[in-house]
Amino acid sequence: MLWACLACLAVLKKELMPAEEAFAAINELDTVAFLQYIKSQPIQPVRSAHLALLSGNFTEAENILLKNGLIFRSIMLLIDTHKWNRFVDEFSLGV
């Protein structure tokens, strides 16, 4: 239980190394892999957006990407999270 609390607090404070250690301690290997993926991203707004997504704040993640002109990444976020209706609403191609 203590590791789970530490993991959540580390994510909220955007401390990736302690978060990775804590999630590993509670065998959340998918989350550990996602944190490693976040750390590998070379663009800071992309890292911030993925951390927002990990925190459960999808709208913030999308806004970070759009605010920084990362439209393709925003589209991929919508597709990866199966937000089909939002994708159609946001990026209507006039079809």
C-alpha atoms as a PDB file:
ATOM      1  CA  MET A   1       0.000   0.000   0.000  1.00  0.00           C
ATOM      2  CA  LEU A   2       2.850   2.385   0.806  1.00  0.00           C
ATOM      3  CA  TRP A   3       4.436   1.747  -2.615  1.00  0.00           C
ATOM      4  CA  ALA A   4       1.146   2.529  -4.335  1.00  0.00           C
ATOM      5  CA  CYS A   5       0.888   5.846  -2.488  1.00  0.00           C
ATOM      6  CA  LEU A   6       4.472   6.687  -3.370  1.00  0.00           C
ATOM      7  CA  ALA A   7       3.809   5.820  -7.012  1.00  0.00           C
ATOM      8  CA  CYS A   8       0.797   8.134  -7.198  1.00  0.00           C
ATOM      9  CA  LEU A   9       2.564  10.997  -5.450  1.00  0.00           C
ATOM     10  CA  ALA A  10       5.616  10.647  -7.681  1.00  0.00           C
ATOM     11  CA  VAL A  11       3.448  10.819 -10.805  1.00  0.00           C
ATOM     12  CA  LEU A  12       1.615  13.887  -9.486  1.00  0.00           C
ATOM     13  CA  LYS A  13       4.962  15.583  -8.777  1.00  0.00           C
ATOM     14  CA  LYS A  14       6.286  14.487 -12.199  1.00  0.00           C
ATOM     15  CA  GLU A  15       9.159  12.575 -10.620  1.00  0.00           C
ATOM     16  CA  LEU A  16       9.683   9.758 -13.098  1.00  0.00           C
ATOM     17  CA  MET A  17      12.481   7.795 -11.406  1.00  0.00           C
ATOM     18  CA  PRO A  18      10.719   7.337  -8.026  1.00  0.00           C
ATOM     19  CA  ALA A  19       7.466   6.615  -9.856  1.00  0.00           C
ATOM     20  CA  GLU A  20       9.166   3.914 -11.908  1.00  0.00           C
ATOM     21  CA  GLU A  21      10.706   2.346  -8.781  1.00  0.00           C
ATOM     22  CA  ALA A  22       7.402   2.404  -6.899  1.00  0.00           C
ATOM     23  CA  PHE A  23       5.380   0.927  -9.770  1.00  0.00           C
ATOM     24  CA  ALA A  24       8.020  -1.786 -10.183  1.00  0.00           C
ATOM     25  CA  ALA A  25       7.726  -2.620  -6.472  1.00  0.00           C
ATOM     26  CA  ILE A  26       3.991  -3.283  -6.867  1.00  0.00           C
ATOM     27  CA  ASN A  27       4.485  -5.245 -10.110  1.00  0.00           C
ATOM     28  CA  GLU A  28       2.780  -2.681 -12.363  1.00  0.00           C
ATOM     29  CA  LEU A  29       5.051  -3.596 -15.239  1.00  0.00           C
ATOM     30  CA  ASP A  30       2.882  -1.993 -17.915  1.00  0.00           C
ATOM     31  CA  THR A  31       3.100   1.299 -16.066  1.00  0.00           C
ATOM     32  CA  VAL A  32       6.868   0.900 -15.671  1.00  0.00           C
ATOM     33  CA  ALA A  33       7.141   0.360 -19.433  1.00  0.00           C
ATOM     34  CA  PHE A  34       4.976   3.432 -20.071  1.00  0.00           C
ATOM     35  CA  LEU A  35       7.170   5.533 -17.753  1.00  0.00           C
ATOM     36  CA  GLN A  36      10.249   4.335 -19.639  1.00  0.00           C
ATOM     37  CA  TYR A  37       8.528   5.314 -22.885  1.00  0.00           C
ATOM     38  CA  ILE A  38       7.785   8.775 -21.455  1.00  0.00           C
ATOM     39  CA  LYS A  39      11.418   9.216 -20.413  1.00  0.00           C
ATOM     40  CA  SER A  40      12.557   8.294 -23.925  1.00  0.00           C
ATOM     41  CA  GLN A  41      10.539  11.089 -25.559  1.00  0.00           C
ATOM     42  CA  PRO A  42      12.869  13.882 -26.705  1.00  0.00           C
ATOM     43  CA  ILE A  43      10.208  16.624 -26.744  1.00  0.00           C
ATOM     44  CA  GLN A  44       9.228  18.095 -23.344  1.00  0.00           C
ATOM     45  CA  PRO A  45       5.561  18.840 -24.218  1.00  0.00           C
ATOM     46  CA  VAL A  46       5.141  15.214 -25.322  1.00  0.00           C
ATOM     47  CA  ARG A  47       6.523  14.018 -21.979  1.00  0.00           C
ATOM     48  CA  SER A  48       4.198  16.412 -20.138  1.00  0.00           C
ATOM     49  CA  ALA A  49       1.185  15.258 -22.146  1.00  0.00           C
ATOM     50  CA  HIS A  50       1.909  11.602 -21.446  1.00  0.00           C
ATOM     51  CA  LEU A  51       2.328  12.321 -17.739  1.00  0.00           C
ATOM     52  CA  ALA A  52      -1.043  14.081 -17.752  1.00  0.00           C
ATOM     53  CA  LEU A  53      -2.504  11.035 -19.467  1.00  0.00           C
ATOM     54  CA  LEU A  54      -0.949   8.753 -16.845  1.00  0.00           C
ATOM     55  CA  SER A  55      -2.549  10.949 -14.166  1.00  0.00           C
ATOM     56  CA  GLY A  56      -5.919  10.383 -15.819  1.00  0.00           C
ATOM     57  CA  ASN A  57      -6.237  13.888 -17.219  1.00  0.00           C
ATOM     58  CA  PHE A  58      -6.928  13.278 -20.900  1.00  0.00           C
ATOM     59  CA  THR A  59      -8.119  16.827 -21.604  1.00  0.00           C
ATOM     60  CA  GLU A  60      -4.927  18.331 -20.200  1.00  0.00           C
ATOM     61  CA  ALA A  61      -2.829  15.916 -22.271  1.00  0.00           C
ATOM     62  CA  GLU A  62      -4.663  16.873 -25.445  1.00  0.00           C
ATOM     63  CA  ASN A  63      -4.431  20.597 -24.649  1.00  0.00           C
ATOM     64  CA  ILE A  64      -0.671  20.395 -24.035  1.00  0.00           C
ATOM     65  CA  LEU A  65      -0.144  18.826 -27.439  1.00  0.00           C
ATOM     66  CA  LEU A  66      -2.422  21.255 -29.288  1.00  0.00           C
ATOM     67  CA  LYS A  67      -1.008  24.307 -27.502  1.00  0.00           C
ATOM     68  CA  ASN A  68       2.475  23.323 -28.650  1.00  0.00           C
ATOM     69  CA  GLY A  69       1.426  22.746 -32.249  1.00  0.00           C
ATOM     70  CA  LEU A  70       1.791  18.959 -32.042  1.00  0.00           C
ATOM     71  CA  ILE A  71      -1.343  18.221 -34.023  1.00  0.00           C
ATOM     72  CA  PHE A  72      -0.236  14.843 -35.356  1.00  0.00           C
ATOM     73  CA  ARG A  73       0.602  13.710 -31.813  1.00  0.00           C
ATOM     74  CA  SER A  74      -2.815  14.937 -30.677  1.00  0.00           C
ATOM     75  CA  ILE A  75      -4.489  12.925 -33.429  1.00  0.00           C
ATOM     76  CA  MET A  76      -2.502   9.833 -32.464  1.00  0.00           C
ATOM     77  CA  LEU A  77      -3.484  10.357 -28.821  1.00  0.00           C
ATOM     78  CA  LEU A  78      -7.154  10.353 -29.804  1.00  0.00           C
ATOM     79  CA  ILE A  79      -6.682   7.232 -31.911  1.00  0.00           C
ATOM     80  CA  ASP A  80      -4.599   5.395 -29.282  1.00  0.00           C
ATOM     81  CA  THR A  81      -7.171   6.092 -26.568  1.00  0.00           C
ATOM     82  CA  HIS A  82     -10.096   5.126 -28.826  1.00  0.00           C
ATOM     83  CA  LYS A  83     -11.714   8.559 -28.673  1.00  0.00           C
ATOM     84  CA  TRP A  84     -13.235   8.150 -32.135  1.00  0.00           C
ATOM     85  CA  ASN A  85     -16.093  10.629 -31.704  1.00  0.00           C
ATOM     86  CA  ARG A  86     -13.755  13.291 -30.368  1.00  0.00           C
ATOM     87  CA  PHE A  87     -11.413  12.655 -33.295  1.00  0.00           C
ATOM     88  CA  VAL A  88     -14.238  13.214 -35.775  1.00  0.00           C
ATOM     89  CA  ASP A  89     -15.437  16.333 -33.919  1.00  0.00           C
ATOM     90  CA  GLU A  90     -11.984  17.881 -33.606  1.00  0.00           C
ATOM     91  CA  PHE A  91     -10.565  17.052 -36.995  1.00  0.00           C
ATOM     92  CA  SER A  92     -13.557  16.859 -39.305  1.00  0.00           C
ATOM     93  CA  LEU A  93     -12.260  16.365 -42.797  1.00  0.00           C
ATOM     94  CA  GLY A  94     -15.502  17.429 -44.429  1.00  0.00           C
ATOM     95  CA  VAL A  95     -16.196  13.952 -45.751  1.00  0.00           C
END
